[in-house]
C-alpha atoms as a PDB file:
ATOM      1  CA  UNK A   1     235.995 292.542 194.722  1.00  0.00           C
ATOM      2  CA  UNK A   2     238.594 291.879 192.179  1.00  0.00           C
ATOM      3  CA  UNK A   3     236.896 290.781 189.766  1.00  0.00           C
ATOM      4  CA  UNK A   4     234.571 293.714 189.571  1.00  0.00           C
ATOM      5  CA  UNK A   5     237.524 295.849 190.048  1.00  0.00           C
ATOM      6  CA  UNK A   6     239.326 294.278 187.139  1.00  0.00           C
ATOM      7  CA  UNK A   7     236.489 294.220 184.763  1.00  0.00           C
ATOM      8  CA  UNK A   8     236.854 292.271 181.352  1.00  0.00           C
ATOM      9  CA  UNK A   9     237.598 293.687 177.469  1.00  0.00           C
ATOM     10  CA  UNK A  10     233.753 293.809 177.208  1.00  0.00           C
ATOM     11  CA  UNK A  11     232.871 295.248 180.322  1.00  0.00           C
ATOM     12  CA  UNK A  12     235.164 297.627 182.187  1.00  0.00           C
ATOM     13  CA  UNK A  13     235.705 297.609 186.110  1.00  0.00           C
ATOM     14  CA  UNK A  14     234.921 301.110 187.643  1.00  0.00           C
ATOM     15  CA  UNK A  15     236.698 302.603 190.780  1.00  0.00           C
ATOM     16  CA  UNK A  16     236.017 305.240 192.182  1.00  0.00           C
ATOM     17  CA  UNK A  17     238.234 307.487 194.870  1.00  0.00           C
ATOM     18  CA  UNK A  18     236.283 310.317 196.519  1.00  0.00           C
ATOM     19  CA  UNK A  19     237.557 313.463 197.663  1.00  0.00           C
ATOM     20  CA  UNK A  20     241.300 312.539 196.213  1.00  0.00           C
ATOM     21  CA  UNK A  21     242.774 315.791 197.960  1.00  0.00           C
ATOM     22  CA  UNK A  22     242.856 313.945 201.269  1.00  0.00           C
ATOM     23  CA  UNK A  23     244.700 311.006 200.009  1.00  0.00           C
ATOM     24  CA  UNK A  24     247.987 310.606 202.081  1.00  0.00           C
ATOM     25  CA  UNK A  25     251.439 310.554 199.900  1.00  0.00           C
ATOM     26  CA  UNK A  26     251.204 306.822 199.754  1.00  0.00           C
ATOM     27  CA  UNK A  27     247.791 306.855 198.704  1.00  0.00           C
ATOM     28  CA  UNK A  28     248.731 308.958 196.072  1.00  0.00           C
ATOM     29  CA  UNK A  29     252.033 306.986 195.257  1.00  0.00           C
ATOM     30  CA  UNK A  30     249.871 303.939 194.522  1.00  0.00           C
ATOM     31  CA  UNK A  31     247.463 305.866 191.702  1.00  0.00           C
ATOM     32  CA  UNK A  32     250.547 306.780 190.075  1.00  0.00           C
ATOM     33  CA  UNK A  33     251.528 303.238 190.124  1.00  0.00           C
ATOM     34  CA  UNK A  34     247.991 301.980 188.705  1.00  0.00           C
ATOM     35  CA  UNK A  35     248.250 304.987 186.227  1.00  0.00           C
ATOM     36  CA  UNK A  36     251.586 304.140 185.066  1.00  0.00           C
ATOM     37  CA  UNK A  37     251.768 300.260 184.607  1.00  0.00           C
ATOM     38  CA  UNK A  38     247.868 299.437 185.217  1.00  0.00           C
ATOM     39  CA  UNK A  39     248.723 297.396 188.285  1.00  0.00           C
ATOM     40  CA  UNK A  40     248.224 297.482 192.089  1.00  0.00           C
ATOM     41  CA  UNK A  41     250.067 295.333 194.534  1.00  0.00           C
ATOM     42  CA  UNK A  42     248.743 294.735 197.892  1.00  0.00           C
ATOM     43  CA  UNK A  43     250.857 295.339 201.082  1.00  0.00           C
ATOM     44  CA  UNK A  44     250.385 291.102 201.520  1.00  0.00           C
ATOM     45  CA  UNK A  45     252.603 291.373 198.570  1.00  0.00           C
ATOM     46  CA  UNK A  46     250.752 287.991 197.297  1.00  0.00           C
ATOM     47  CA  UNK A  47     247.528 289.653 195.260  1.00  0.00           C
ATOM     48  CA  UNK A  48     248.154 291.976 192.556  1.00  0.00           C
ATOM     49  CA  UNK A  49     245.162 293.686 191.040  1.00  0.00           C
ATOM     50  CA  UNK A  50     244.966 294.526 187.430  1.00  0.00           C
ATOM     51  CA  UNK A  51     243.369 297.971 186.318  1.00  0.00           C
ATOM     52  CA  UNK A  52     244.209 297.543 182.614  1.00  0.00           C
ATOM     53  CA  UNK A  53     240.438 297.357 182.173  1.00  0.00           C
ATOM     54  CA  UNK A  54     239.285 299.484 184.422  1.00  0.00           C
ATOM     55  CA  UNK A  55     237.907 303.030 184.815  1.00  0.00           C
ATOM     56  CA  UNK A  56     239.660 304.990 187.581  1.00  0.00           C
ATOM     57  CA  UNK A  57     236.987 308.479 188.731  1.00  0.00           C
ATOM     58  CA  UNK A  58     238.374 310.510 191.362  1.00  0.00           C
ATOM     59  CA  UNK A  59     236.230 313.580 193.291  1.00  0.00           C
ATOM     60  CA  UNK A  60     237.718 316.164 194.954  1.00  0.00           C
ATOM     61  CA  UNK A  61     236.343 319.327 196.497  1.00  0.00           C
ATOM     62  CA  UNK A  62     239.746 321.313 196.133  1.00  0.00           C
ATOM     63  CA  UNK A  63     239.145 324.918 195.316  1.00  0.00           C
ATOM     64  CA  UNK A  64     235.484 324.788 196.704  1.00  0.00           C
ATOM     65  CA  UNK A  65     236.333 328.075 199.360  1.00  0.00           C
ATOM     66  CA  UNK A  66     237.952 330.128 196.542  1.00  0.00           C
ATOM     67  CA  UNK A  67     234.806 329.184 194.553  1.00  0.00           C
ATOM     68  CA  UNK A  68     232.329 330.161 196.845  1.00  0.00           C
ATOM     69  CA  UNK A  69     234.442 333.665 197.419  1.00  0.00           C
ATOM     70  CA  UNK A  70     233.866 333.952 193.867  1.00  0.00           C
ATOM     71  CA  UNK A  71     230.066 333.163 194.137  1.00  0.00           C
ATOM     72  CA  UNK A  72     229.366 335.966 197.318  1.00  0.00           C
ATOM     73  CA  UNK A  73     231.897 338.475 195.674  1.00  0.00           C
ATOM     74  CA  UNK A  74     233.825 338.472 198.402  1.00  0.00           C
ATOM     75  CA  UNK A  75     236.204 341.845 198.788  1.00  0.00           C
ATOM     76  CA  UNK A  76     239.549 339.554 198.355  1.00  0.00           C
ATOM     77  CA  UNK A  77     238.640 338.058 195.320  1.00  0.00           C
ATOM     78  CA  UNK A  78     236.849 340.740 193.816  1.00  0.00           C
ATOM     79  CA  UNK A  79     240.837 342.458 193.899  1.00  0.00           C
ATOM     80  CA  UNK A  80     242.112 339.081 192.523  1.00  0.00           C
ATOM     81  CA  UNK A  81     239.165 339.068 189.373  1.00  0.00           C
ATOM     82  CA  UNK A  82     240.016 342.525 188.737  1.00  0.00           C
ATOM     83  CA  UNK A  83     243.482 342.061 188.175  1.00  0.00           C
ATOM     84  CA  UNK A  84     242.904 338.724 185.999  1.00  0.00           C
ATOM     85  CA  UNK A  85     240.410 340.737 183.802  1.00  0.00           C
ATOM     86  CA  UNK A  86     242.851 343.766 182.988  1.00  0.00           C
ATOM     87  CA  UNK A  87     245.008 341.217 181.321  1.00  0.00           C
ATOM     88  CA  UNK A  88     244.407 341.600 177.971  1.00  0.00           C
ATOM     89  CA  UNK A  89     244.494 337.651 177.454  1.00  0.00           C
ATOM     90  CA  UNK A  90     241.840 337.176 179.738  1.00  0.00           C
ATOM     91  CA  UNK A  91     239.267 339.513 177.850  1.00  0.00           C
ATOM     92  CA  UNK A  92     236.122 337.889 177.024  1.00  0.00           C
ATOM     93  CA  UNK A  93     236.965 334.528 179.124  1.00  0.00           C
ATOM     94  CA  UNK A  94     233.680 332.640 179.920  1.00  0.00           C
ATOM     95  CA  UNK A  95     233.049 332.427 184.078  1.00  0.00           C
ATOM     96  CA  UNK A  96     233.526 328.688 183.341  1.00  0.00           C
ATOM     97  CA  UNK A  97     237.110 329.322 182.195  1.00  0.00           C
ATOM     98  CA  UNK A  98     237.918 331.545 185.448  1.00  0.00           C
ATOM     99  CA  UNK A  99     236.528 328.831 187.395  1.00  0.00           C
ATOM    100  CA  UNK A 100     238.630 326.290 185.745  1.00  0.00           C
ATOM    101  CA  UNK A 101     241.738 328.337 186.083  1.00  0.00           C
ATOM    102  CA  UNK A 102     241.152 328.429 190.395  1.00  0.00           C
ATOM    103  CA  UNK A 103     240.769 324.806 190.101  1.00  0.00           C
ATOM    104  CA  UNK A 104     243.502 323.991 188.060  1.00  0.00           C
ATOM    105  CA  UNK A 105     246.115 326.314 190.529  1.00  0.00           C
ATOM    106  CA  UNK A 106     244.635 324.602 193.383  1.00  0.00           C
ATOM    107  CA  UNK A 107     245.207 320.882 192.124  1.00  0.00           C
ATOM    108  CA  UNK A 108     248.976 322.212 191.280  1.00  0.00           C
ATOM    109  CA  UNK A 109     249.547 323.417 194.797  1.00  0.00           C
ATOM    110  CA  UNK A 110     248.178 319.968 195.993  1.00  0.00           C
ATOM    111  CA  UNK A 111     249.971 317.171 193.635  1.00  0.00           C
ATOM    112  CA  UNK A 112     253.076 316.942 192.134  1.00  0.00           C
ATOM    113  CA  UNK A 113     253.324 317.392 187.917  1.00  0.00           C
ATOM    114  CA  UNK A 114     253.634 313.836 187.555  1.00  0.00           C
ATOM    115  CA  UNK A 115     250.605 312.665 189.150  1.00  0.00           C
ATOM    116  CA  UNK A 116     248.353 315.501 187.471  1.00  0.00           C
ATOM    117  CA  UNK A 117     250.144 314.833 184.209  1.00  0.00           C
ATOM    118  CA  UNK A 118     248.872 310.930 184.312  1.00  0.00           C
ATOM    119  CA  UNK A 119     245.029 311.827 184.751  1.00  0.00           C
ATOM    120  CA  UNK A 120     243.260 312.182 181.224  1.00  0.00           C
ATOM    121  CA  UNK A 121     240.809 314.880 181.864  1.00  0.00           C
ATOM    122  CA  UNK A 122     239.842 317.126 184.828  1.00  0.00           C
ATOM    123  CA  UNK A 123     235.868 318.253 184.560  1.00  0.00           C
ATOM    124  CA  UNK A 124     234.740 320.989 186.580  1.00  0.00           C
ATOM    125  CA  UNK A 125     230.711 320.700 187.589  1.00  0.00           C
ATOM    126  CA  UNK A 126     228.782 323.479 187.524  1.00  0.00           C
ATOM    127  CA  UNK A 127     226.530 325.157 190.026  1.00  0.00           C
ATOM    128  CA  UNK A 128     222.916 323.275 190.822  1.00  0.00           C
ATOM    129  CA  UNK A 129     220.321 325.884 188.238  1.00  0.00           C
ATOM    130  CA  UNK A 130     216.932 325.933 189.153  1.00  0.00           C
ATOM    131  CA  UNK A 131     216.257 323.462 186.269  1.00  0.00           C
ATOM    132  CA  UNK A 132     218.501 321.001 187.828  1.00  0.00           C
ATOM    133  CA  UNK A 133     216.893 321.397 191.177  1.00  0.00           C
ATOM    134  CA  UNK A 134     213.683 320.939 189.821  1.00  0.00           C
ATOM    135  CA  UNK A 135     214.898 317.604 188.396  1.00  0.00           C
ATOM    136  CA  UNK A 136     216.409 316.660 191.734  1.00  0.00           C
ATOM    137  CA  UNK A 137     213.190 317.467 193.745  1.00  0.00           C
ATOM    138  CA  UNK A 138     211.002 315.113 190.779  1.00  0.00           C
ATOM    139  CA  UNK A 139     213.517 312.374 191.654  1.00  0.00           C
ATOM    140  CA  UNK A 140     213.229 312.868 195.633  1.00  0.00           C
ATOM    141  CA  UNK A 141     209.634 312.617 195.342  1.00  0.00           C
ATOM    142  CA  UNK A 142     209.376 309.745 193.133  1.00  0.00           C
ATOM    143  CA  UNK A 143     211.686 307.955 195.534  1.00  0.00           C
ATOM    144  CA  UNK A 144     210.041 308.957 198.664  1.00  0.00           C
ATOM    145  CA  UNK A 145     206.421 307.227 196.825  1.00  0.00           C
ATOM    146  CA  UNK A 146     208.489 304.221 196.138  1.00  0.00           C
ATOM    147  CA  UNK A 147     208.664 303.905 199.969  1.00  0.00           C
ATOM    148  CA  UNK A 148     205.311 304.789 200.660  1.00  0.00           C
ATOM    149  CA  UNK A 149     203.785 302.142 198.134  1.00  0.00           C
ATOM    150  CA  UNK A 150     204.013 299.505 200.986  1.00  0.00           C
ATOM    151  CA  UNK A 151     201.839 301.490 203.071  1.00  0.00           C
ATOM    152  CA  UNK A 152     199.669 302.470 199.828  1.00  0.00           C
ATOM    153  CA  UNK A 153     200.398 305.891 200.047  1.00  0.00           C
ATOM    154  CA  UNK A 154     201.317 308.462 197.621  1.00  0.00           C
ATOM    155  CA  UNK A 155     202.579 312.159 198.205  1.00  0.00           C
ATOM    156  CA  UNK A 156     202.815 314.898 195.840  1.00  0.00           C
ATOM    157  CA  UNK A 157     203.810 318.513 195.966  1.00  0.00           C
ATOM    158  CA  UNK A 158     201.316 321.547 195.384  1.00  0.00           C
ATOM    159  CA  UNK A 159     202.996 324.462 192.897  1.00  0.00           C
ATOM    160  CA  UNK A 160     203.628 326.671 196.052  1.00  0.00           C
ATOM    161  CA  UNK A 161     205.111 323.415 198.110  1.00  0.00           C
ATOM    162  CA  UNK A 162     207.300 322.965 195.304  1.00  0.00           C
ATOM    163  CA  UNK A 163     208.326 326.799 195.056  1.00  0.00           C
ATOM    164  CA  UNK A 164     208.795 326.711 198.646  1.00  0.00           C
ATOM    165  CA  UNK A 165     211.253 323.777 198.699  1.00  0.00           C
ATOM    166  CA  UNK A 166     213.087 325.292 196.124  1.00  0.00           C
ATOM    167  CA  UNK A 167     213.476 328.405 197.710  1.00  0.00           C
ATOM    168  CA  UNK A 168     214.661 327.422 200.923  1.00  0.00           C
ATOM    169  CA  UNK A 169     216.465 323.877 199.615  1.00  0.00           C
ATOM    170  CA  UNK A 170     219.067 326.180 197.401  1.00  0.00           C
ATOM    171  CA  UNK A 171     222.511 326.443 198.786  1.00  0.00           C
ATOM    172  CA  UNK A 172     225.321 326.712 196.449  1.00  0.00           C
ATOM    173  CA  UNK A 173     227.861 325.947 199.343  1.00  0.00           C
ATOM    174  CA  UNK A 174     225.800 321.936 199.800  1.00  0.00           C
ATOM    175  CA  UNK A 175     224.299 321.636 196.398  1.00  0.00           C
ATOM    176  CA  UNK A 176     221.923 318.426 196.407  1.00  0.00           C
ATOM    177  CA  UNK A 177     222.477 317.612 199.322  1.00  0.00           C
ATOM    178  CA  UNK A 178     221.251 320.468 201.148  1.00  0.00           C
ATOM    179  CA  UNK A 179     217.526 320.270 199.057  1.00  0.00           C
ATOM    180  CA  UNK A 180     217.244 316.558 200.486  1.00  0.00           C
ATOM    181  CA  UNK A 181     217.787 317.693 203.827  1.00  0.00           C
ATOM    182  CA  UNK A 182     215.170 320.344 203.256  1.00  0.00           C
ATOM    183  CA  UNK A 183     212.699 317.651 201.594  1.00  0.00           C
ATOM    184  CA  UNK A 184     213.823 315.266 204.634  1.00  0.00           C
ATOM    185  CA  UNK A 185     212.618 317.973 207.598  1.00  0.00           C
ATOM    186  CA  UNK A 186     209.765 319.680 205.585  1.00  0.00           C
ATOM    187  CA  UNK A 187     208.161 316.972 203.673  1.00  0.00           C
ATOM    188  CA  UNK A 188     209.336 313.368 205.187  1.00  0.00           C
ATOM    189  CA  UNK A 189     209.265 313.786 208.785  1.00  0.00           C
ATOM    190  CA  UNK A 190     206.489 315.781 209.185  1.00  0.00           C
ATOM    191  CA  UNK A 191     204.371 313.323 206.895  1.00  0.00           C
ATOM    192  CA  UNK A 192     205.552 309.983 208.860  1.00  0.00           C
ATOM    193  CA  UNK A 193     204.462 311.789 211.861  1.00  0.00           C
ATOM    194  CA  UNK A 194     200.910 312.213 210.203  1.00  0.00           C
ATOM    195  CA  UNK A 195     201.031 308.601 209.437  1.00  0.00           C
ATOM    196  CA  UNK A 196     201.819 307.682 212.928  1.00  0.00           C
ATOM    197  CA  UNK A 197     199.161 309.213 214.599  1.00  0.00           C
ATOM    198  CA  UNK A 198     196.474 309.882 212.365  1.00  0.00           C
ATOM    199  CA  UNK A 199     193.999 306.922 211.513  1.00  0.00           C
ATOM    200  CA  UNK A 200     194.620 306.337 208.182  1.00  0.00           C
ATOM    201  CA  UNK A 201     191.808 304.479 205.810  1.00  0.00           C
ATOM    202  CA  UNK A 202     192.419 300.945 204.673  1.00  0.00           C
ATOM    203  CA  UNK A 203     192.438 302.241 200.962  1.00  0.00           C
ATOM    204  CA  UNK A 204     195.013 303.128 198.861  1.00  0.00           C
ATOM    205  CA  UNK A 205     195.881 307.238 199.873  1.00  0.00           C
ATOM    206  CA  UNK A 206     196.939 309.955 197.529  1.00  0.00           C
ATOM    207  CA  UNK A 207     198.025 313.107 199.746  1.00  0.00           C
ATOM    208  CA  UNK A 208     199.051 316.542 198.499  1.00  0.00           C
ATOM    209  CA  UNK A 209     201.602 319.105 200.480  1.00  0.00           C
ATOM    210  CA  UNK A 210     200.395 322.080 200.648  1.00  0.00           C
ATOM    211  CA  UNK A 211     202.082 325.288 201.587  1.00  0.00           C
ATOM    212  CA  UNK A 212     201.455 327.048 204.894  1.00  0.00           C
ATOM    213  CA  UNK A 213     202.433 330.831 204.439  1.00  0.00           C
ATOM    214  CA  UNK A 214     202.607 331.777 208.074  1.00  0.00           C
ATOM    215  CA  UNK A 215     205.707 329.503 208.698  1.00  0.00           C
ATOM    216  CA  UNK A 216     208.754 328.351 207.320  1.00  0.00           C
ATOM    217  CA  UNK A 217     209.638 326.150 210.383  1.00  0.00           C
ATOM    218  CA  UNK A 218     210.066 322.497 209.215  1.00  0.00           C
ATOM    219  CA  UNK A 219     207.237 320.678 210.310  1.00  0.00           C
ATOM    220  CA  UNK A 220     204.869 323.422 210.548  1.00  0.00           C
ATOM    221  CA  UNK A 221     205.600 324.962 206.776  1.00  0.00           C
ATOM    222  CA  UNK A 222     203.185 322.570 204.891  1.00  0.00           C
ATOM    223  CA  UNK A 223     200.049 320.561 205.653  1.00  0.00           C
ATOM    224  CA  UNK A 224     199.268 317.503 203.825  1.00  0.00           C
ATOM    225  CA  UNK A 225     195.497 317.040 202.313  1.00  0.00           C
ATOM    226  CA  UNK A 226     194.208 314.087 201.457  1.00  0.00           C
ATOM    227  CA  UNK A 227     193.999 314.258 197.517  1.00  0.00           C
ATOM    228  CA  UNK A 228     191.982 310.839 197.151  1.00  0.00           C
ATOM    229  CA  UNK A 229     191.424 307.564 198.470  1.00  0.00           C
ATOM    230  CA  UNK A 230     191.151 304.760 196.116  1.00  0.00           C
ATOM    231  CA  UNK A 231     189.896 301.203 195.821  1.00  0.00           C
ATOM    232  CA  UNK A 232     191.661 298.417 197.953  1.00  0.00           C
END
């Protein structure tokens, strides 16, 4: 949508280029032209899109493998890290600074200095911590309850079930997507089977997901207890 891309003086357009490290050289060159003069001419030659009131964001997984080596203390990376820390210039450097240095090196190996020099800022996101996962879990359960609302059904998690999902659903390699897959396999799919196979009262009903300590297998790791049945 050209109007949404171009935006206006009062409401800028927003454009996201996902996984930009996979872009071909012609695409990278087109991005350089956008950052240079704020214009993109389509291949037909008849249409030009203005980016002069547009905020452009680019995401990348570049350096992810090296960061994983850092996180899991692989021998190859430990040797490099030791050599890095022996340099007096790096004494007292934070973990965020180390990760930023890794990303910066990988960016310069993939993109030209001319391209990188046109980027206003590079933000390195931290790993998800338990507090962040708790918030993501709350959002996922709230979203599930929105979808269940048309059936007059709600679900909440017991504290044990919550801790189980946070434990099983935490993987630094895959971030929030892995937690969402864990919720789908341990909560959403079993609940869907329950709603399909079990007779349900006509009144609104609330379930609580309770942890079953003898299993971690999806479909049998939690059970659903009727917490309350409300008035129609």
